[in-house]
Amino acid sequence: MDFTNNTVDLNELPKFEDANLTKIHPSYLKIVMFNIALFYGIFAIAAGLAFYYFPEIRPYWLLVSLVYAFLVIVSITVSYISFKNKSFAFRTHDVIYRTGAIAITTTIIPYNRVQHAAIHEGFLSRRFGLAKVEIFTAGGVSSDIKIPGLEKGLAEKVRYLVMGKIDNSKEEEKNAGQPEEQL
């Protein structure tokens, strides 16, 4: 048997850019904004207490207020852009997830690399009927893809889809070495 190692024509590879990506649920933006408001609300209370109990820092209230306002505006803007860029797709052989605000990251994981899929619901997510799907591959402690802001029913369907693809790919790998008449 002769060894061959043919060159792959990169122009003939499927393009992930052609995939129809689905945006996450619009209610997820409310959760993101609530988290920002909670964080900066706690920060404002802490700053107020600091100005009350430490009078020597009161001359800096204007500077602190301007920095605070700037950080709030930047956080809201970046979070909104990030929300608008979050999208996903499930194709025949892989899952695609795109996210980012300043830099866009597209993660593509083939189903044959997936080890586990999980659904998580936070307190606010549960209130809005949303969930987060986490997809794990081998060798990692944390998930490789976290798709937040999915309707609970859709998240369950996605999990079953991914788990079904995992089972199918493992069965195909197991049967790959067997002659066809045994299958």
N, C-alpha and C. Protein backbone atom coordinates (compact mmCIF):
# COMPACT_ATOMS: atom_id res chain seq x y z
N MET A 1 0.85 -1.17 0.00
CA MET A 1 0.00 0.00 0.00
C MET A 1 0.89 1.23 0.00
N ASP A 2 0.67 2.11 -0.96
CA ASP A 2 1.46 3.33 -1.08
C ASP A 2 0.89 4.42 -0.18
N PHE A 3 1.78 5.15 0.44
CA PHE A 3 1.40 6.27 1.29
C PHE A 3 1.11 7.49 0.42
N THR A 4 -0.02 8.12 0.65
CA THR A 4 -0.34 9.37 -0.04
C THR A 4 -0.66 10.44 0.99
N ASN A 5 -0.32 11.64 0.65
CA ASN A 5 -0.59 12.77 1.53
C ASN A 5 -0.92 13.96 0.64
N ASN A 6 -2.17 13.98 0.16
CA ASN A 6 -2.60 15.00 -0.79
C ASN A 6 -2.82 16.34 -0.11
N THR A 7 -2.59 17.38 -0.87
CA THR A 7 -2.82 18.73 -0.39
C THR A 7 -4.32 19.03 -0.38
N VAL A 8 -4.78 19.70 0.66
CA VAL A 8 -6.18 20.10 0.77
C VAL A 8 -6.34 21.46 0.12
N ASP A 9 -7.31 21.58 -0.78
CA ASP A 9 -7.59 22.86 -1.40
C ASP A 9 -8.44 23.68 -0.43
N LEU A 10 -7.85 24.72 0.14
CA LEU A 10 -8.53 25.52 1.17
C LEU A 10 -9.77 26.23 0.64
N ASN A 11 -9.82 26.49 -0.65
CA ASN A 11 -10.99 27.15 -1.23
C ASN A 11 -12.21 26.24 -1.29
N GLU A 12 -12.01 24.93 -1.19
CA GLU A 12 -13.12 23.99 -1.26
C GLU A 12 -13.66 23.60 0.11
N LEU A 13 -13.02 24.07 1.17
CA LEU A 13 -13.51 23.78 2.51
C LEU A 13 -14.82 24.54 2.76
N PRO A 14 -15.75 23.94 3.53
CA PRO A 14 -16.97 24.68 3.85
C PRO A 14 -16.65 25.91 4.69
N LYS A 15 -17.38 26.98 4.47
CA LYS A 15 -17.13 28.23 5.18
C LYS A 15 -18.16 28.39 6.31
N PHE A 16 -17.65 28.58 7.52
CA PHE A 16 -18.57 28.76 8.64
C PHE A 16 -19.32 30.08 8.53
N GLU A 17 -18.77 31.01 7.77
CA GLU A 17 -19.43 32.30 7.60
C GLU A 17 -20.76 32.17 6.89
N ASP A 18 -20.94 31.08 6.13
CA ASP A 18 -22.18 30.86 5.39
C ASP A 18 -23.30 30.34 6.28
N ALA A 19 -22.97 29.92 7.49
CA ALA A 19 -23.98 29.36 8.40
C ALA A 19 -24.93 30.46 8.86
N ASN A 20 -26.20 30.10 8.96
CA ASN A 20 -27.21 31.00 9.48
C ASN A 20 -27.16 30.98 11.00
N LEU A 21 -26.64 32.03 11.61
CA LEU A 21 -26.51 32.08 13.06
C LEU A 21 -27.78 32.66 13.68
N THR A 22 -28.17 32.09 14.81
CA THR A 22 -29.36 32.52 15.53
C THR A 22 -28.94 33.40 16.70
N LYS A 23 -29.61 34.52 16.87
CA LYS A 23 -29.33 35.42 17.99
C LYS A 23 -29.94 34.85 19.27
N ILE A 24 -29.37 35.24 20.40
CA ILE A 24 -29.93 34.79 21.67
C ILE A 24 -31.20 35.59 21.97
N HIS A 25 -31.97 35.11 22.92
CA HIS A 25 -33.27 35.70 23.25
C HIS A 25 -33.12 37.15 23.72
N PRO A 26 -33.98 38.06 23.26
CA PRO A 26 -33.88 39.48 23.64
C PRO A 26 -34.00 39.73 25.15
N SER A 27 -34.70 38.88 25.87
CA SER A 27 -34.84 39.08 27.32
C SER A 27 -33.51 38.94 28.05
N TYR A 28 -32.55 38.28 27.43
CA TYR A 28 -31.24 38.11 28.07
C TYR A 28 -30.57 39.47 28.30
N LEU A 29 -30.86 40.46 27.46
CA LEU A 29 -30.29 41.80 27.64
C LEU A 29 -30.74 42.40 28.98
N LYS A 30 -31.97 42.11 29.38
CA LYS A 30 -32.46 42.61 30.68
C LYS A 30 -31.63 42.02 31.83
N ILE A 31 -31.26 40.76 31.71
CA ILE A 31 -30.46 40.11 32.74
C ILE A 31 -29.08 40.75 32.79
N VAL A 32 -28.49 40.98 31.63
CA VAL A 32 -27.17 41.62 31.56
C VAL A 32 -27.22 43.00 32.20
N MET A 33 -28.22 43.79 31.85
CA MET A 33 -28.32 45.15 32.39
C MET A 33 -28.61 45.14 33.89
N PHE A 34 -29.40 44.18 34.35
CA PHE A 34 -29.64 44.06 35.79
C PHE A 34 -28.34 43.78 36.52
N ASN A 35 -27.53 42.88 35.99
CA ASN A 35 -26.24 42.56 36.62
C ASN A 35 -25.32 43.78 36.67
N ILE A 36 -25.31 44.57 35.61
CA ILE A 36 -24.51 45.80 35.60
C ILE A 36 -25.03 46.78 36.66
N ALA A 37 -26.35 46.94 36.70
CA ALA A 37 -26.95 47.86 37.68
C ALA A 37 -26.65 47.40 39.11
N LEU A 38 -26.72 46.11 39.35
CA LEU A 38 -26.44 45.58 40.67
C LEU A 38 -24.98 45.84 41.07
N PHE A 39 -24.06 45.55 40.16
CA PHE A 39 -22.63 45.77 40.43
C PHE A 39 -22.35 47.24 40.73
N TYR A 40 -22.80 48.14 39.86
CA TYR A 40 -22.50 49.56 40.05
C TYR A 40 -23.33 50.18 41.18
N GLY A 41 -24.47 49.59 41.49
CA GLY A 41 -25.23 50.04 42.66
C GLY A 41 -24.48 49.77 43.95
N ILE A 42 -23.93 48.56 44.05
CA ILE A 42 -23.13 48.20 45.22
C ILE A 42 -21.88 49.09 45.30
N PHE A 43 -21.28 49.34 44.14
CA PHE A 43 -20.10 50.21 44.09
C PHE A 43 -20.46 51.62 44.55
N ALA A 44 -21.61 52.14 44.13
CA ALA A 44 -22.04 53.49 44.52
C ALA A 44 -22.29 53.57 46.03
N ILE A 45 -22.90 52.54 46.58
CA ILE A 45 -23.14 52.53 48.03
C ILE A 45 -21.81 52.52 48.78
N ALA A 46 -20.87 51.70 48.31
CA ALA A 46 -19.55 51.63 48.96
C ALA A 46 -18.83 52.98 48.86
N ALA A 47 -18.92 53.63 47.70
CA ALA A 47 -18.28 54.94 47.53
C ALA A 47 -18.94 55.98 48.44
N GLY A 48 -20.26 55.93 48.54
CA GLY A 48 -20.97 56.86 49.43
C GLY A 48 -20.57 56.68 50.88
N LEU A 49 -20.46 55.42 51.30
CA LEU A 49 -20.03 55.15 52.67
C LEU A 49 -18.59 55.61 52.90
N ALA A 50 -17.73 55.42 51.89
CA ALA A 50 -16.34 55.86 52.01
C ALA A 50 -16.27 57.38 52.16
N PHE A 51 -17.07 58.11 51.38
CA PHE A 51 -17.06 59.58 51.49
C PHE A 51 -17.62 60.03 52.83
N TYR A 52 -18.58 59.29 53.37
CA TYR A 52 -19.17 59.66 54.65
C TYR A 52 -18.20 59.40 55.81
N TYR A 53 -17.56 58.23 55.80
CA TYR A 53 -16.70 57.85 56.92
C TYR A 53 -15.26 58.34 56.81
N PHE A 54 -14.84 58.74 55.63
CA PHE A 54 -13.48 59.24 55.43
C PHE A 54 -13.53 60.64 54.81
N PRO A 55 -13.70 61.66 55.65
CA PRO A 55 -13.87 63.03 55.14
C PRO A 55 -12.66 63.54 54.34
N GLU A 56 -11.49 62.95 54.53
CA GLU A 56 -10.30 63.43 53.81
C GLU A 56 -10.38 63.14 52.30
N ILE A 57 -11.28 62.24 51.88
CA ILE A 57 -11.39 61.97 50.44
C ILE A 57 -12.53 62.73 49.78
N ARG A 58 -13.29 63.52 50.55
CA ARG A 58 -14.42 64.27 50.00
C ARG A 58 -14.03 65.24 48.90
N PRO A 59 -12.83 65.88 48.94
CA PRO A 59 -12.48 66.78 47.83
C PRO A 59 -12.40 66.07 46.47
N TYR A 60 -12.31 64.75 46.47
CA TYR A 60 -12.19 64.00 45.21
C TYR A 60 -13.52 63.46 44.69
N TRP A 61 -14.63 63.93 45.26
CA TRP A 61 -15.93 63.40 44.88
C TRP A 61 -16.24 63.62 43.41
N LEU A 62 -15.84 64.77 42.85
CA LEU A 62 -16.12 65.04 41.44
C LEU A 62 -15.34 64.09 40.53
N LEU A 63 -14.08 63.90 40.83
CA LEU A 63 -13.25 62.99 40.03
C LEU A 63 -13.80 61.56 40.11
N VAL A 64 -14.13 61.11 41.32
CA VAL A 64 -14.67 59.76 41.49
C VAL A 64 -16.00 59.62 40.75
N SER A 65 -16.83 60.65 40.81
CA SER A 65 -18.13 60.61 40.13
C SER A 65 -17.96 60.54 38.61
N LEU A 66 -17.01 61.30 38.07
CA LEU A 66 -16.76 61.27 36.62
C LEU A 66 -16.22 59.91 36.18
N VAL A 67 -15.30 59.36 36.94
CA VAL A 67 -14.77 58.03 36.62
C VAL A 67 -15.88 56.98 36.71
N TYR A 68 -16.70 57.10 37.74
CA TYR A 68 -17.83 56.18 37.92
C TYR A 68 -18.77 56.26 36.72
N ALA A 69 -19.16 57.46 36.33
CA ALA A 69 -20.06 57.63 35.18
C ALA A 69 -19.44 57.08 33.91
N PHE A 70 -18.15 57.33 33.71
CA PHE A 70 -17.46 56.81 32.53
C PHE A 70 -17.49 55.28 32.51
N LEU A 71 -17.19 54.66 33.66
CA LEU A 71 -17.18 53.19 33.74
C LEU A 71 -18.57 52.60 33.50
N VAL A 72 -19.60 53.25 34.02
CA VAL A 72 -20.97 52.78 33.79
C VAL A 72 -21.31 52.83 32.31
N ILE A 73 -21.00 53.94 31.66
CA ILE A 73 -21.30 54.09 30.23
C ILE A 73 -20.53 53.08 29.39
N VAL A 74 -19.26 52.89 29.69
CA VAL A 74 -18.45 51.92 28.94
C VAL A 74 -18.98 50.51 29.17
N SER A 75 -19.30 50.16 30.40
CA SER A 75 -19.81 48.83 30.70
C SER A 75 -21.12 48.55 29.97
N ILE A 76 -22.02 49.50 29.99
CA ILE A 76 -23.30 49.33 29.30
C ILE A 76 -23.09 49.20 27.80
N THR A 77 -22.24 50.03 27.24
CA THR A 77 -21.99 50.00 25.79
C THR A 77 -21.35 48.68 25.36
N VAL A 78 -20.32 48.27 26.06
CA VAL A 78 -19.63 47.02 25.71
C VAL A 78 -20.57 45.82 25.90
N SER A 79 -21.35 45.81 26.96
CA SER A 79 -22.29 44.72 27.19
C SER A 79 -23.36 44.66 26.12
N TYR A 80 -23.85 45.81 25.69
CA TYR A 80 -24.86 45.86 24.64
C TYR A 80 -24.30 45.35 23.32
N ILE A 81 -23.10 45.79 22.96
CA ILE A 81 -22.47 45.32 21.73
C ILE A 81 -22.22 43.81 21.80
N SER A 82 -21.74 43.35 22.94
CA SER A 82 -21.50 41.92 23.13
C SER A 82 -22.81 41.13 22.99
N PHE A 83 -23.89 41.64 23.56
CA PHE A 83 -25.19 41.00 23.45
C PHE A 83 -25.61 40.89 22.00
N LYS A 84 -25.45 41.96 21.25
CA LYS A 84 -25.84 41.96 19.83
C LYS A 84 -25.00 40.99 19.01
N ASN A 85 -23.77 40.71 19.42
CA ASN A 85 -22.89 39.83 18.65
C ASN A 85 -23.02 38.35 19.03
N LYS A 86 -23.70 38.05 20.13
CA LYS A 86 -23.85 36.65 20.54
C LYS A 86 -24.81 35.94 19.59
N SER A 87 -24.33 34.86 18.98
CA SER A 87 -25.17 34.07 18.09
C SER A 87 -24.61 32.66 18.02
N PHE A 88 -25.45 31.74 17.56
CA PHE A 88 -25.06 30.33 17.53
C PHE A 88 -25.73 29.62 16.37
N ALA A 89 -25.20 28.45 16.04
CA ALA A 89 -25.81 27.58 15.03
C ALA A 89 -25.41 26.14 15.33
N PHE A 90 -26.33 25.25 15.06
CA PHE A 90 -26.06 23.82 15.17
C PHE A 90 -26.19 23.24 13.77
N ARG A 91 -25.07 22.71 13.30
CA ARG A 91 -25.05 22.13 11.96
C ARG A 91 -24.97 20.61 12.07
N THR A 92 -24.90 19.95 10.95
CA THR A 92 -24.88 18.50 10.92
C THR A 92 -23.72 17.92 11.72
N HIS A 93 -22.55 18.52 11.62
CA HIS A 93 -21.36 17.95 12.24
C HIS A 93 -20.76 18.77 13.36
N ASP A 94 -21.26 20.00 13.57
CA ASP A 94 -20.62 20.85 14.58
C ASP A 94 -21.57 21.90 15.11
N VAL A 95 -21.09 22.57 16.16
CA VAL A 95 -21.81 23.69 16.77
C VAL A 95 -20.92 24.92 16.63
N ILE A 96 -21.54 26.06 16.32
CA ILE A 96 -20.83 27.33 16.15
C ILE A 96 -21.37 28.31 17.19
N TYR A 97 -20.46 29.04 17.83
CA TYR A 97 -20.87 30.09 18.77
C TYR A 97 -19.99 31.31 18.54
N ARG A 98 -20.62 32.45 18.35
CA ARG A 98 -19.91 33.70 18.10
C ARG A 98 -20.26 34.69 19.21
N THR A 99 -19.21 35.35 19.73
CA THR A 99 -19.41 36.32 20.80
C THR A 99 -18.29 37.35 20.77
N GLY A 100 -18.48 38.44 21.48
CA GLY A 100 -17.45 39.45 21.61
C GLY A 100 -17.99 40.84 21.38
N ALA A 101 -17.27 41.81 21.89
CA ALA A 101 -17.65 43.21 21.70
C ALA A 101 -16.56 43.93 20.92
N ILE A 102 -15.37 43.90 21.43
CA ILE A 102 -14.24 44.57 20.77
C ILE A 102 -13.62 43.63 19.74
N ALA A 103 -13.38 42.40 20.14
CA ALA A 103 -12.89 41.36 19.24
C ALA A 103 -13.95 40.27 19.18
N ILE A 104 -14.29 39.85 17.98
CA ILE A 104 -15.30 38.81 17.80
C ILE A 104 -14.60 37.44 17.79
N THR A 105 -15.10 36.54 18.62
CA THR A 105 -14.56 35.19 18.69
C THR A 105 -15.61 34.21 18.18
N THR A 106 -15.21 33.38 17.25
CA THR A 106 -16.09 32.34 16.74
C THR A 106 -15.49 30.99 17.13
N THR A 107 -16.26 30.20 17.87
CA THR A 107 -15.82 28.89 18.31
C THR A 107 -16.64 27.85 17.58
N ILE A 108 -15.94 26.88 17.00
CA ILE A 108 -16.60 25.78 16.29
C ILE A 108 -16.11 24.48 16.91
N ILE A 109 -17.05 23.67 17.39
CA ILE A 109 -16.69 22.41 18.01
C ILE A 109 -17.43 21.29 17.27
N PRO A 110 -16.67 20.34 16.71
CA PRO A 110 -17.32 19.18 16.09
C PRO A 110 -17.95 18.29 17.16
N TYR A 111 -19.08 17.69 16.83
CA TYR A 111 -19.78 16.86 17.80
C TYR A 111 -18.93 15.69 18.29
N ASN A 112 -18.03 15.18 17.44
CA ASN A 112 -17.23 14.02 17.87
C ASN A 112 -16.20 14.40 18.94
N ARG A 113 -16.04 15.68 19.24
CA ARG A 113 -15.14 16.12 20.31
C ARG A 113 -15.91 16.43 21.60
N VAL A 114 -17.22 16.47 21.53
CA VAL A 114 -18.04 16.84 22.69
C VAL A 114 -18.15 15.65 23.64
N GLN A 115 -17.93 15.92 24.91
CA GLN A 115 -18.04 14.89 25.95
C GLN A 115 -19.33 14.99 26.74
N HIS A 116 -19.83 16.23 26.90
CA HIS A 116 -20.94 16.44 27.82
C HIS A 116 -21.62 17.76 27.47
N ALA A 117 -22.91 17.84 27.74
CA ALA A 117 -23.65 19.09 27.61
C ALA A 117 -24.51 19.27 28.85
N ALA A 118 -24.61 20.50 29.34
CA ALA A 118 -25.36 20.77 30.56
C ALA A 118 -26.20 22.03 30.38
N ILE A 119 -27.27 22.11 31.15
CA ILE A 119 -28.14 23.29 31.15
C ILE A 119 -28.07 23.92 32.54
N HIS A 120 -27.91 25.24 32.58
CA HIS A 120 -27.88 25.97 33.85
C HIS A 120 -28.90 27.11 33.79
N GLU A 121 -29.58 27.31 34.91
CA GLU A 121 -30.53 28.41 35.04
C GLU A 121 -30.19 29.21 36.29
N GLY A 122 -29.94 30.48 36.12
CA GLY A 122 -29.76 31.36 37.26
C GLY A 122 -31.13 31.83 37.74
N PHE A 123 -31.12 32.56 38.86
CA PHE A 123 -32.39 33.05 39.42
C PHE A 123 -33.13 33.94 38.43
N LEU A 124 -32.42 34.92 37.86
CA LEU A 124 -33.08 35.82 36.91
C LEU A 124 -33.44 35.11 35.62
N SER A 125 -32.57 34.26 35.15
CA SER A 125 -32.84 33.50 33.92
C SER A 125 -34.12 32.69 34.07
N ARG A 126 -34.28 32.06 35.21
CA ARG A 126 -35.47 31.25 35.46
C ARG A 126 -36.72 32.13 35.42
N ARG A 127 -36.61 33.35 35.94
CA ARG A 127 -37.75 34.29 35.92
C ARG A 127 -38.19 34.63 34.50
N PHE A 128 -37.21 34.71 33.59
CA PHE A 128 -37.50 35.04 32.20
C PHE A 128 -37.69 33.79 31.33
N GLY A 129 -37.61 32.61 31.93
CA GLY A 129 -37.76 31.38 31.18
C GLY A 129 -36.57 31.06 30.29
N LEU A 130 -35.39 31.51 30.72
CA LEU A 130 -34.18 31.32 29.93
C LEU A 130 -33.22 30.36 30.62
N ALA A 131 -32.28 29.84 29.85
CA ALA A 131 -31.26 28.94 30.38
C ALA A 131 -29.98 29.12 29.59
N LYS A 132 -28.92 28.55 30.13
CA LYS A 132 -27.61 28.58 29.46
C LYS A 132 -27.21 27.13 29.18
N VAL A 133 -26.80 26.87 27.93
CA VAL A 133 -26.30 25.55 27.56
C VAL A 133 -24.78 25.61 27.58
N GLU A 134 -24.17 24.65 28.26
CA GLU A 134 -22.72 24.55 28.30
C GLU A 134 -22.31 23.26 27.61
N ILE A 135 -21.34 23.37 26.71
CA ILE A 135 -20.86 22.22 25.96
C ILE A 135 -19.40 22.00 26.32
N PHE A 136 -19.08 20.78 26.76
CA PHE A 136 -17.75 20.43 27.24
C PHE A 136 -17.07 19.49 26.25
N THR A 137 -15.78 19.69 26.06
CA THR A 137 -14.98 18.75 25.29
C THR A 137 -13.99 18.09 26.24
N ALA A 138 -13.29 17.10 25.76
CA ALA A 138 -12.34 16.37 26.60
C ALA A 138 -11.18 17.27 27.01
N GLY A 139 -10.67 17.02 28.20
CA GLY A 139 -9.46 17.68 28.64
C GLY A 139 -9.64 19.03 29.28
N GLY A 140 -10.85 19.48 29.49
CA GLY A 140 -11.05 20.79 30.09
C GLY A 140 -11.84 20.69 31.38
N VAL A 141 -11.58 21.60 32.28
CA VAL A 141 -12.32 21.64 33.53
C VAL A 141 -13.61 22.43 33.34
N SER A 142 -13.52 23.52 32.57
CA SER A 142 -14.70 24.33 32.32
C SER A 142 -15.24 24.03 30.93
N SER A 143 -16.42 24.57 30.64
CA SER A 143 -17.03 24.30 29.34
C SER A 143 -16.30 25.07 28.26
N ASP A 144 -16.39 24.55 27.04
CA ASP A 144 -15.75 25.20 25.90
C ASP A 144 -16.67 26.22 25.27
N ILE A 145 -17.97 25.96 25.32
CA ILE A 145 -18.95 26.92 24.81
C ILE A 145 -20.03 27.08 25.86
N LYS A 146 -20.38 28.32 26.13
CA LYS A 146 -21.51 28.64 27.00
C LYS A 146 -22.44 29.52 26.19
N ILE A 147 -23.63 29.02 25.88
CA ILE A 147 -24.59 29.79 25.10
C ILE A 147 -25.69 30.23 26.06
N PRO A 148 -25.65 31.50 26.50
CA PRO A 148 -26.67 31.99 27.43
C PRO A 148 -27.88 32.51 26.67
N GLY A 149 -28.94 32.78 27.40
CA GLY A 149 -30.08 33.46 26.82
C GLY A 149 -30.91 32.64 25.87
N LEU A 150 -30.97 31.32 26.09
CA LEU A 150 -31.84 30.47 25.29
C LEU A 150 -33.12 30.21 26.05
N GLU A 151 -34.24 30.15 25.34
CA GLU A 151 -35.47 29.76 26.00
C GLU A 151 -35.28 28.36 26.58
N LYS A 152 -35.87 28.10 27.74
CA LYS A 152 -35.65 26.83 28.44
C LYS A 152 -35.94 25.63 27.55
N GLY A 153 -37.06 25.66 26.83
CA GLY A 153 -37.41 24.54 25.96
C GLY A 153 -36.38 24.34 24.85
N LEU A 154 -35.91 25.44 24.28
CA LEU A 154 -34.89 25.36 23.23
C LEU A 154 -33.58 24.84 23.81
N ALA A 155 -33.24 25.27 25.01
CA ALA A 155 -32.00 24.80 25.65
C ALA A 155 -32.05 23.29 25.85
N GLU A 156 -33.20 22.77 26.27
CA GLU A 156 -33.33 21.33 26.44
C GLU A 156 -33.22 20.60 25.11
N LYS A 157 -33.83 21.15 24.06
CA LYS A 157 -33.72 20.55 22.74
C LYS A 157 -32.27 20.54 22.25
N VAL A 158 -31.57 21.65 22.50
CA VAL A 158 -30.16 21.75 22.10
C VAL A 158 -29.34 20.69 22.84
N ARG A 159 -29.59 20.55 24.12
CA ARG A 159 -28.85 19.55 24.90
C ARG A 159 -29.12 18.15 24.34
N TYR A 160 -30.38 17.83 24.08
CA TYR A 160 -30.70 16.51 23.52
C TYR A 160 -30.07 16.32 22.14
N LEU A 161 -30.06 17.38 21.35
CA LEU A 161 -29.44 17.31 20.02
C LEU A 161 -27.95 16.99 20.15
N VAL A 162 -27.27 17.75 21.02
CA VAL A 162 -25.83 17.55 21.19
C VAL A 162 -25.55 16.17 21.77
N MET A 163 -26.31 15.76 22.77
CA MET A 163 -26.09 14.45 23.36
C MET A 163 -26.39 13.34 22.35
N GLY A 164 -27.41 13.54 21.52
CA GLY A 164 -27.71 12.58 20.46
C GLY A 164 -26.59 12.49 19.45
N LYS A 165 -26.02 13.63 19.10
CA LYS A 165 -24.90 13.65 18.16
C LYS A 165 -23.69 12.97 18.79
N ILE A 166 -23.51 13.13 20.09
CA ILE A 166 -22.40 12.47 20.77
C ILE A 166 -22.58 10.96 20.67
N ASP A 167 -23.80 10.48 20.99
CA ASP A 167 -24.06 9.05 20.94
C ASP A 167 -23.87 8.50 19.52
N ASN A 168 -24.37 9.24 18.52
CA ASN A 168 -24.25 8.80 17.13
C ASN A 168 -22.79 8.74 16.69
N SER A 169 -22.00 9.75 17.04
CA SER A 169 -20.60 9.77 16.60
C SER A 169 -19.80 8.66 17.29
N LYS A 170 -20.11 8.35 18.55
CA LYS A 170 -19.40 7.27 19.24
C LYS A 170 -19.78 5.92 18.64
N GLU A 171 -21.04 5.77 18.26
CA GLU A 171 -21.48 4.52 17.62
C GLU A 171 -20.80 4.36 16.26
N GLU A 172 -20.70 5.47 15.51
CA GLU A 172 -20.03 5.42 14.21
C GLU A 172 -18.56 5.07 14.36
N GLU A 173 -17.89 5.63 15.37
CA GLU A 173 -16.48 5.32 15.61
C GLU A 173 -16.31 3.85 15.98
N LYS A 174 -17.24 3.32 16.77
CA LYS A 174 -17.16 1.94 17.19
C LYS A 174 -17.33 0.99 15.99
N ASN A 175 -18.25 1.36 15.10
CA ASN A 175 -18.54 0.52 13.94
C ASN A 175 -17.59 0.75 12.77
N ALA A 176 -16.74 1.75 12.84
CA ALA A 176 -15.89 2.12 11.71
C ALA A 176 -14.94 1.01 11.31
N GLY A 177 -14.45 0.24 12.25
CA GLY A 177 -13.48 -0.80 11.94
C GLY A 177 -14.11 -2.13 11.58
N GLN A 178 -15.43 -2.28 11.67
CA GLN A 178 -16.08 -3.55 11.40
C GLN A 178 -16.47 -3.66 9.93
N PRO A 179 -16.40 -4.88 9.36
CA PRO A 179 -16.90 -5.07 7.99
C PRO A 179 -18.41 -4.79 7.95
N GLU A 180 -18.91 -4.36 6.79
CA GLU A 180 -20.30 -3.94 6.65
C GLU A 180 -21.29 -5.05 6.93
N GLU A 181 -20.97 -6.31 6.63
CA GLU A 181 -21.94 -7.37 6.85
C GLU A 181 -22.20 -7.61 8.33
N GLN A 182 -21.27 -7.19 9.21
CA GLN A 182 -21.47 -7.33 10.65
C GLN A 182 -22.35 -6.22 11.20
N LEU A 183 -22.41 -5.12 10.49
CA LEU A 183 -23.22 -4.00 10.96
C LEU A 183 -24.66 -4.33 10.73
